[in-house]
Amino acid sequence: MRKRTLIGAMAVAVIGVAAYFLSQPRKGTLEYHKKGFLRAKNSWLLGKWLAKPAMSRLNRVYCQYKAERAVFHEEALIELGFLHYRTFALSNSQPYEAVYKLRTDSGGALLFNPDLAYCEFMEAGTNGVFVVGTASVIDRCKEVIRDLELSRLE
């Protein structure tokens, strides 16, 4: 009786482990890079622990590794067509105002977009904003920047 129970428990464990590994996204797929990008971007807890003064060298190496992984996955997501990048030229407002507006988006449509986790907003020189994101996020950014530019004309 014990032998049969032990064999059954081992079979369940083996099937569980196999199911876990088979359910993981394959390397090079869109899901693999999405998961890797989010993992590299959102690893702030370990980075916070490593930020202690005694860990400064380790923190530097860790942060550099995570930044490289995030860039790798971001470039792969761009090649796969999931992410796009665009630079918006500004004529009536400052880049920092546009970046702030994009990050806070008073309209709310951007804040509740599930793809926002994959997006980045950066100042591009003295009169531009660089956006990396999905097509829907970039379309919303275009509307927010247009509204900001038009509000400056009034």
N, C-alpha and C. Protein backbone atom coordinates (compact mmCIF):
# COMPACT_ATOMS: atom_id res chain seq x y z
N MET A 1 0.82 -1.19 0.00
CA MET A 1 0.00 0.00 0.00
C MET A 1 0.87 1.26 0.00
N ARG A 2 1.91 1.26 0.85
CA ARG A 2 2.81 2.43 0.91
C ARG A 2 3.56 2.61 -0.40
N LYS A 3 3.95 1.50 -0.98
CA LYS A 3 4.70 1.57 -2.22
C LYS A 3 3.84 2.20 -3.33
N ARG A 4 2.58 1.82 -3.40
CA ARG A 4 1.68 2.35 -4.40
C ARG A 4 1.45 3.85 -4.19
N THR A 5 1.32 4.29 -2.93
CA THR A 5 1.13 5.70 -2.60
C THR A 5 2.37 6.50 -2.98
N LEU A 6 3.54 5.96 -2.68
CA LEU A 6 4.80 6.63 -3.01
C LEU A 6 4.95 6.78 -4.53
N ILE A 7 4.64 5.74 -5.27
CA ILE A 7 4.75 5.81 -6.73
C ILE A 7 3.75 6.83 -7.29
N GLY A 8 2.55 6.87 -6.75
CA GLY A 8 1.55 7.85 -7.18
C GLY A 8 1.99 9.28 -6.90
N ALA A 9 2.56 9.51 -5.71
CA ALA A 9 3.05 10.84 -5.36
C ALA A 9 4.19 11.27 -6.27
N MET A 10 5.11 10.35 -6.58
CA MET A 10 6.23 10.66 -7.47
C MET A 10 5.72 10.98 -8.88
N ALA A 11 4.71 10.23 -9.34
CA ALA A 11 4.16 10.47 -10.67
C ALA A 11 3.51 11.85 -10.73
N VAL A 12 2.77 12.23 -9.70
CA VAL A 12 2.14 13.55 -9.66
C VAL A 12 3.21 14.65 -9.67
N ALA A 13 4.29 14.44 -8.91
CA ALA A 13 5.38 15.43 -8.87
C ALA A 13 6.04 15.57 -10.24
N VAL A 14 6.31 14.46 -10.89
CA VAL A 14 6.96 14.50 -12.20
C VAL A 14 6.04 15.17 -13.22
N ILE A 15 4.76 14.85 -13.20
CA ILE A 15 3.81 15.47 -14.13
C ILE A 15 3.70 16.97 -13.86
N GLY A 16 3.71 17.36 -12.59
CA GLY A 16 3.65 18.78 -12.23
C GLY A 16 4.87 19.54 -12.72
N VAL A 17 6.05 18.98 -12.54
CA VAL A 17 7.28 19.64 -12.99
C VAL A 17 7.30 19.72 -14.52
N ALA A 18 6.90 18.66 -15.18
CA ALA A 18 6.87 18.66 -16.65
C ALA A 18 5.88 19.70 -17.17
N ALA A 19 4.72 19.78 -16.54
CA ALA A 19 3.72 20.77 -16.96
C ALA A 19 4.24 22.18 -16.77
N TYR A 20 4.96 22.42 -15.67
CA TYR A 20 5.51 23.76 -15.43
C TYR A 20 6.50 24.13 -16.53
N PHE A 21 7.42 23.24 -16.84
CA PHE A 21 8.43 23.56 -17.84
C PHE A 21 7.85 23.65 -19.25
N LEU A 22 6.86 22.85 -19.54
CA LEU A 22 6.26 22.91 -20.87
C LEU A 22 5.37 24.13 -21.05
N SER A 23 4.89 24.71 -19.95
CA SER A 23 4.03 25.89 -20.06
C SER A 23 4.83 27.19 -20.17
N GLN A 24 6.12 27.13 -19.96
CA GLN A 24 6.95 28.33 -20.07
C GLN A 24 7.10 28.73 -21.54
N PRO A 25 7.13 30.05 -21.83
CA PRO A 25 7.28 30.47 -23.24
C PRO A 25 8.64 30.08 -23.78
N ARG A 26 8.67 29.73 -25.04
CA ARG A 26 9.92 29.33 -25.68
C ARG A 26 10.80 30.56 -25.93
N LYS A 27 12.09 30.32 -25.87
CA LYS A 27 13.05 31.39 -26.07
C LYS A 27 12.90 31.99 -27.46
N GLY A 28 12.87 33.33 -27.51
CA GLY A 28 12.76 34.03 -28.78
C GLY A 28 11.34 34.39 -29.17
N THR A 29 10.35 33.92 -28.42
CA THR A 29 8.96 34.25 -28.75
C THR A 29 8.58 35.58 -28.13
N LEU A 30 7.44 36.10 -28.57
CA LEU A 30 6.95 37.37 -28.04
C LEU A 30 6.71 37.28 -26.54
N GLU A 31 6.07 36.21 -26.09
CA GLU A 31 5.79 36.06 -24.66
C GLU A 31 7.06 35.97 -23.83
N TYR A 32 8.07 35.30 -24.35
CA TYR A 32 9.36 35.19 -23.65
C TYR A 32 9.98 36.58 -23.45
N HIS A 33 9.97 37.38 -24.50
CA HIS A 33 10.58 38.71 -24.39
C HIS A 33 9.74 39.66 -23.55
N LYS A 34 8.40 39.54 -23.61
CA LYS A 34 7.55 40.37 -22.77
C LYS A 34 7.80 40.07 -21.29
N LYS A 35 7.86 38.79 -20.97
CA LYS A 35 8.10 38.39 -19.58
C LYS A 35 9.50 38.80 -19.12
N GLY A 36 10.49 38.63 -19.99
CA GLY A 36 11.86 39.01 -19.65
C GLY A 36 12.02 40.51 -19.47
N PHE A 37 11.34 41.28 -20.33
CA PHE A 37 11.42 42.74 -20.23
C PHE A 37 10.83 43.23 -18.91
N LEU A 38 9.65 42.70 -18.57
CA LEU A 38 9.02 43.10 -17.31
C LEU A 38 9.83 42.65 -16.11
N ARG A 39 10.42 41.47 -16.20
CA ARG A 39 11.23 40.97 -15.09
C ARG A 39 12.47 41.86 -14.89
N ALA A 40 13.09 42.27 -15.99
CA ALA A 40 14.29 43.11 -15.88
C ALA A 40 13.93 44.51 -15.42
N LYS A 41 12.79 45.01 -15.85
CA LYS A 41 12.39 46.37 -15.52
C LYS A 41 11.85 46.50 -14.09
N ASN A 42 11.21 45.46 -13.59
CA ASN A 42 10.53 45.53 -12.30
C ASN A 42 11.26 44.81 -11.18
N SER A 43 12.56 44.69 -11.27
CA SER A 43 13.30 44.00 -10.22
C SER A 43 13.82 45.01 -9.18
N TRP A 44 12.96 45.91 -8.74
CA TRP A 44 13.37 47.00 -7.86
C TRP A 44 13.62 46.52 -6.43
N LEU A 45 12.97 45.45 -5.97
CA LEU A 45 13.11 45.02 -4.58
C LEU A 45 14.54 44.55 -4.29
N LEU A 46 15.08 43.70 -5.16
CA LEU A 46 16.44 43.25 -4.97
C LEU A 46 17.41 44.41 -5.14
N GLY A 47 17.12 45.29 -6.11
CA GLY A 47 17.97 46.47 -6.31
C GLY A 47 17.97 47.37 -5.09
N LYS A 48 16.83 47.48 -4.42
CA LYS A 48 16.74 48.30 -3.20
C LYS A 48 17.58 47.70 -2.09
N TRP A 49 17.56 46.39 -1.96
CA TRP A 49 18.37 45.72 -0.94
C TRP A 49 19.86 45.88 -1.25
N LEU A 50 20.20 45.81 -2.54
CA LEU A 50 21.60 45.94 -2.94
C LEU A 50 22.10 47.38 -2.88
N ALA A 51 21.20 48.33 -2.71
CA ALA A 51 21.59 49.75 -2.69
C ALA A 51 22.23 50.15 -1.37
N LYS A 52 22.27 49.25 -0.41
CA LYS A 52 22.92 49.56 0.87
C LYS A 52 24.40 49.83 0.62
N PRO A 53 25.01 50.70 1.43
CA PRO A 53 26.40 51.10 1.18
C PRO A 53 27.38 49.93 1.06
N ALA A 54 27.19 48.88 1.84
CA ALA A 54 28.11 47.75 1.79
C ALA A 54 27.99 46.99 0.47
N MET A 55 26.92 47.19 -0.24
CA MET A 55 26.67 46.44 -1.47
C MET A 55 26.86 47.29 -2.72
N SER A 56 27.53 48.41 -2.64
CA SER A 56 27.58 49.34 -3.77
C SER A 56 28.17 48.71 -5.04
N ARG A 57 29.24 47.97 -4.92
CA ARG A 57 29.85 47.36 -6.10
C ARG A 57 28.93 46.30 -6.70
N LEU A 58 28.35 45.49 -5.83
CA LEU A 58 27.41 44.46 -6.28
C LEU A 58 26.18 45.10 -6.91
N ASN A 59 25.73 46.20 -6.34
CA ASN A 59 24.58 46.93 -6.87
C ASN A 59 24.87 47.44 -8.28
N ARG A 60 26.05 47.99 -8.48
CA ARG A 60 26.43 48.51 -9.79
C ARG A 60 26.41 47.40 -10.85
N VAL A 61 26.97 46.26 -10.51
CA VAL A 61 27.02 45.13 -11.44
C VAL A 61 25.61 44.62 -11.72
N TYR A 62 24.82 44.51 -10.66
CA TYR A 62 23.45 44.01 -10.81
C TYR A 62 22.61 44.95 -11.67
N CYS A 63 22.68 46.24 -11.40
CA CYS A 63 21.90 47.22 -12.17
C CYS A 63 22.33 47.25 -13.63
N GLN A 64 23.62 47.13 -13.87
CA GLN A 64 24.12 47.10 -15.24
C GLN A 64 23.59 45.86 -15.97
N TYR A 65 23.60 44.72 -15.29
CA TYR A 65 23.10 43.49 -15.88
C TYR A 65 21.61 43.61 -16.21
N LYS A 66 20.82 44.15 -15.27
CA LYS A 66 19.39 44.29 -15.50
C LYS A 66 19.10 45.28 -16.62
N ALA A 67 19.87 46.36 -16.70
CA ALA A 67 19.69 47.33 -17.78
C ALA A 67 20.00 46.70 -19.13
N GLU A 68 21.05 45.89 -19.20
CA GLU A 68 21.39 45.21 -20.45
C GLU A 68 20.30 44.23 -20.85
N ARG A 69 19.76 43.50 -19.88
CA ARG A 69 18.68 42.55 -20.17
C ARG A 69 17.43 43.29 -20.66
N ALA A 70 17.11 44.42 -20.04
CA ALA A 70 15.93 45.19 -20.45
C ALA A 70 16.11 45.70 -21.88
N VAL A 71 17.29 46.18 -22.20
CA VAL A 71 17.56 46.68 -23.56
C VAL A 71 17.47 45.53 -24.57
N PHE A 72 18.03 44.38 -24.20
CA PHE A 72 17.97 43.20 -25.08
C PHE A 72 16.53 42.83 -25.40
N HIS A 73 15.71 42.73 -24.36
CA HIS A 73 14.31 42.35 -24.56
C HIS A 73 13.52 43.45 -25.28
N GLU A 74 13.83 44.71 -24.99
CA GLU A 74 13.15 45.81 -25.66
C GLU A 74 13.44 45.80 -27.15
N GLU A 75 14.70 45.60 -27.52
CA GLU A 75 15.06 45.54 -28.94
C GLU A 75 14.39 44.36 -29.63
N ALA A 76 14.30 43.24 -28.93
CA ALA A 76 13.62 42.07 -29.51
C ALA A 76 12.13 42.35 -29.70
N LEU A 77 11.51 43.04 -28.74
CA LEU A 77 10.09 43.37 -28.86
C LEU A 77 9.85 44.35 -30.02
N ILE A 78 10.81 45.23 -30.26
CA ILE A 78 10.70 46.15 -31.41
C ILE A 78 10.83 45.36 -32.71
N GLU A 79 11.79 44.43 -32.77
CA GLU A 79 11.97 43.62 -33.97
C GLU A 79 10.75 42.75 -34.24
N LEU A 80 10.11 42.25 -33.18
CA LEU A 80 8.92 41.40 -33.34
C LEU A 80 7.67 42.22 -33.66
N GLY A 81 7.76 43.55 -33.60
CA GLY A 81 6.64 44.41 -33.96
C GLY A 81 5.69 44.71 -32.82
N PHE A 82 6.00 44.28 -31.60
CA PHE A 82 5.13 44.56 -30.46
C PHE A 82 5.30 46.00 -30.00
N LEU A 83 6.54 46.47 -29.96
CA LEU A 83 6.82 47.85 -29.56
C LEU A 83 7.23 48.68 -30.78
N HIS A 84 6.95 49.95 -30.69
CA HIS A 84 7.33 50.91 -31.73
C HIS A 84 7.98 52.10 -31.02
N TYR A 85 8.75 52.87 -31.75
CA TYR A 85 9.29 54.09 -31.16
C TYR A 85 9.00 55.26 -32.08
N ARG A 86 8.82 56.39 -31.44
CA ARG A 86 8.50 57.59 -32.20
C ARG A 86 9.01 58.80 -31.44
N THR A 87 9.49 59.80 -32.17
CA THR A 87 9.91 61.06 -31.59
C THR A 87 8.89 62.12 -32.00
N PHE A 88 8.36 62.82 -31.02
CA PHE A 88 7.40 63.90 -31.26
C PHE A 88 8.14 65.23 -31.14
N ALA A 89 8.00 66.07 -32.14
CA ALA A 89 8.60 67.41 -32.10
C ALA A 89 7.63 68.36 -31.41
N LEU A 90 8.17 69.20 -30.54
CA LEU A 90 7.36 70.18 -29.81
C LEU A 90 7.72 71.58 -30.27
N SER A 91 6.71 72.43 -30.41
CA SER A 91 7.00 73.80 -30.80
C SER A 91 6.51 74.80 -29.75
N ASN A 92 5.51 74.43 -28.96
CA ASN A 92 4.93 75.38 -28.01
C ASN A 92 5.12 74.99 -26.55
N SER A 93 5.78 73.90 -26.27
CA SER A 93 5.96 73.49 -24.87
C SER A 93 7.33 72.84 -24.69
N GLN A 94 7.71 72.70 -23.46
CA GLN A 94 9.01 72.13 -23.12
C GLN A 94 8.91 70.60 -23.05
N PRO A 95 9.98 69.90 -23.36
CA PRO A 95 9.94 68.44 -23.31
C PRO A 95 9.58 67.89 -21.93
N TYR A 96 10.09 68.51 -20.86
CA TYR A 96 9.79 67.99 -19.53
C TYR A 96 8.30 68.10 -19.21
N GLU A 97 7.64 69.15 -19.75
CA GLU A 97 6.19 69.29 -19.55
C GLU A 97 5.44 68.17 -20.27
N ALA A 98 5.88 67.87 -21.49
CA ALA A 98 5.22 66.82 -22.25
C ALA A 98 5.42 65.45 -21.60
N VAL A 99 6.63 65.18 -21.12
CA VAL A 99 6.89 63.90 -20.45
C VAL A 99 6.05 63.80 -19.19
N TYR A 100 5.96 64.88 -18.42
CA TYR A 100 5.13 64.88 -17.21
C TYR A 100 3.67 64.63 -17.57
N LYS A 101 3.20 65.30 -18.61
CA LYS A 101 1.80 65.13 -19.04
C LYS A 101 1.54 63.70 -19.49
N LEU A 102 2.49 63.11 -20.20
CA LEU A 102 2.33 61.72 -20.63
C LEU A 102 2.31 60.76 -19.44
N ARG A 103 3.14 61.03 -18.46
CA ARG A 103 3.20 60.13 -17.30
C ARG A 103 1.97 60.26 -16.42
N THR A 104 1.38 61.44 -16.37
CA THR A 104 0.20 61.63 -15.51
C THR A 104 -1.09 61.55 -16.30
N ASP A 105 -1.08 61.88 -17.58
CA ASP A 105 -2.21 61.79 -18.51
C ASP A 105 -3.55 62.08 -17.83
N SER A 106 -3.87 63.32 -17.73
CA SER A 106 -5.09 63.74 -17.04
C SER A 106 -6.34 63.13 -17.65
N GLY A 107 -6.29 62.72 -18.91
CA GLY A 107 -7.45 62.07 -19.52
C GLY A 107 -7.67 60.67 -19.00
N GLY A 108 -6.65 60.00 -18.52
CA GLY A 108 -6.77 58.70 -17.91
C GLY A 108 -6.70 57.52 -18.86
N ALA A 109 -6.90 57.73 -20.14
CA ALA A 109 -6.91 56.61 -21.08
C ALA A 109 -5.54 55.93 -21.14
N LEU A 110 -4.50 56.67 -20.92
CA LEU A 110 -3.17 56.10 -20.96
C LEU A 110 -2.81 55.40 -19.65
N LEU A 111 -3.26 55.97 -18.53
CA LEU A 111 -2.91 55.41 -17.23
C LEU A 111 -3.45 54.00 -17.02
N PHE A 112 -4.61 53.71 -17.59
CA PHE A 112 -5.24 52.42 -17.37
C PHE A 112 -5.01 51.45 -18.52
N ASN A 113 -4.10 51.77 -19.40
CA ASN A 113 -3.77 50.90 -20.51
C ASN A 113 -2.85 49.79 -20.00
N PRO A 114 -3.20 48.52 -20.22
CA PRO A 114 -2.36 47.42 -19.72
C PRO A 114 -0.97 47.37 -20.35
N ASP A 115 -0.80 47.98 -21.51
CA ASP A 115 0.50 47.98 -22.18
C ASP A 115 1.43 49.07 -21.67
N LEU A 116 0.98 49.87 -20.72
CA LEU A 116 1.79 50.98 -20.22
C LEU A 116 3.07 50.48 -19.55
N ALA A 117 3.05 49.24 -19.05
CA ALA A 117 4.24 48.69 -18.40
C ALA A 117 5.42 48.55 -19.37
N TYR A 118 5.13 48.49 -20.66
CA TYR A 118 6.18 48.33 -21.67
C TYR A 118 6.65 49.65 -22.25
N CYS A 119 6.15 50.77 -21.74
CA CYS A 119 6.40 52.07 -22.37
C CYS A 119 7.44 52.88 -21.63
N GLU A 120 8.09 53.74 -22.38
CA GLU A 120 9.05 54.68 -21.82
C GLU A 120 8.84 56.03 -22.51
N PHE A 121 8.95 57.09 -21.71
CA PHE A 121 8.85 58.46 -22.22
C PHE A 121 10.12 59.19 -21.82
N MET A 122 10.80 59.80 -22.78
CA MET A 122 12.05 60.50 -22.49
C MET A 122 12.11 61.81 -23.26
N GLU A 123 12.82 62.76 -22.70
CA GLU A 123 13.07 64.01 -23.41
C GLU A 123 14.07 63.73 -24.53
N ALA A 124 13.83 64.33 -25.68
CA ALA A 124 14.73 64.16 -26.82
C ALA A 124 15.23 65.55 -27.23
N GLY A 125 16.36 65.92 -26.71
CA GLY A 125 16.92 67.23 -27.03
C GLY A 125 16.13 68.35 -26.38
N THR A 126 16.14 69.51 -27.03
CA THR A 126 15.49 70.68 -26.45
C THR A 126 14.05 70.86 -26.89
N ASN A 127 13.61 70.11 -27.90
CA ASN A 127 12.24 70.31 -28.37
C ASN A 127 11.59 69.01 -28.85
N GLY A 128 11.82 67.93 -28.14
CA GLY A 128 11.22 66.68 -28.57
C GLY A 128 10.99 65.72 -27.43
N VAL A 129 10.13 64.75 -27.68
CA VAL A 129 9.85 63.69 -26.72
C VAL A 129 9.98 62.37 -27.46
N PHE A 130 10.71 61.45 -26.88
CA PHE A 130 10.92 60.12 -27.46
C PHE A 130 10.04 59.13 -26.71
N VAL A 131 9.22 58.39 -27.45
CA VAL A 131 8.28 57.44 -26.84
C VAL A 131 8.55 56.06 -27.42
N VAL A 132 8.66 55.07 -26.53
CA VAL A 132 8.72 53.67 -26.92
C VAL A 132 7.49 53.02 -26.32
N GLY A 133 6.69 52.35 -27.14
CA GLY A 133 5.49 51.71 -26.61
C GLY A 133 4.72 50.98 -27.69
N THR A 134 3.59 50.44 -27.30
CA THR A 134 2.74 49.75 -28.25
C THR A 134 2.05 50.78 -29.14
N ALA A 135 1.45 50.31 -30.22
CA ALA A 135 0.80 51.22 -31.17
C ALA A 135 -0.34 52.00 -30.50
N SER A 136 -1.10 51.35 -29.63
CA SER A 136 -2.21 52.06 -28.98
C SER A 136 -1.71 53.14 -28.04
N VAL A 137 -0.60 52.87 -27.36
CA VAL A 137 -0.03 53.87 -26.44
C VAL A 137 0.54 55.04 -27.24
N ILE A 138 1.19 54.77 -28.34
CA ILE A 138 1.75 55.85 -29.15
C ILE A 138 0.64 56.72 -29.74
N ASP A 139 -0.46 56.10 -30.14
CA ASP A 139 -1.60 56.89 -30.63
C ASP A 139 -2.15 57.80 -29.54
N ARG A 140 -2.25 57.29 -28.32
CA ARG A 140 -2.73 58.11 -27.21
C ARG A 140 -1.73 59.22 -26.88
N CYS A 141 -0.45 58.92 -26.97
CA CYS A 141 0.58 59.94 -26.73
C CYS A 141 0.46 61.06 -27.75
N LYS A 142 0.17 60.70 -29.00
CA LYS A 142 0.00 61.70 -30.04
C LYS A 142 -1.14 62.66 -29.67
N GLU A 143 -2.25 62.11 -29.16
CA GLU A 143 -3.38 62.95 -28.76
C GLU A 143 -3.03 63.84 -27.57
N VAL A 144 -2.34 63.29 -26.58
CA VAL A 144 -1.98 64.06 -25.38
C VAL A 144 -1.04 65.20 -25.76
N ILE A 145 -0.06 64.93 -26.60
CA ILE A 145 0.90 65.97 -27.01
C ILE A 145 0.20 67.02 -27.88
N ARG A 146 -0.69 66.59 -28.76
CA ARG A 146 -1.43 67.55 -29.57
C ARG A 146 -2.27 68.49 -28.68
N ASP A 147 -2.94 67.91 -27.69
CA ASP A 147 -3.74 68.73 -26.76
C ASP A 147 -2.87 69.69 -25.97
N LEU A 148 -1.68 69.23 -25.56
CA LEU A 148 -0.76 70.10 -24.82
C LEU A 148 -0.28 71.23 -25.71
N GLU A 149 0.07 70.93 -26.93
CA GLU A 149 0.54 71.96 -27.86
C GLU A 149 -0.57 72.99 -28.16
N LEU A 150 -1.79 72.50 -28.35
CA LEU A 150 -2.89 73.40 -28.64
C LEU A 150 -3.25 74.26 -27.43
N SER A 151 -3.13 73.71 -26.24
CA SER A 151 -3.44 74.50 -25.04
C SER A 151 -2.42 75.62 -24.84
N ARG A 152 -1.22 75.46 -25.34
CA ARG A 152 -0.19 76.49 -25.23
C ARG A 152 -0.43 77.64 -26.20
N LEU A 153 -1.17 77.36 -27.26
CA LEU A 153 -1.46 78.43 -28.25
C LEU A 153 -2.50 79.39 -27.75
N GLU A 154 -3.37 78.93 -26.88
CA GLU A 154 -4.47 79.79 -26.39
C GLU A 154 -3.99 80.83 -25.41
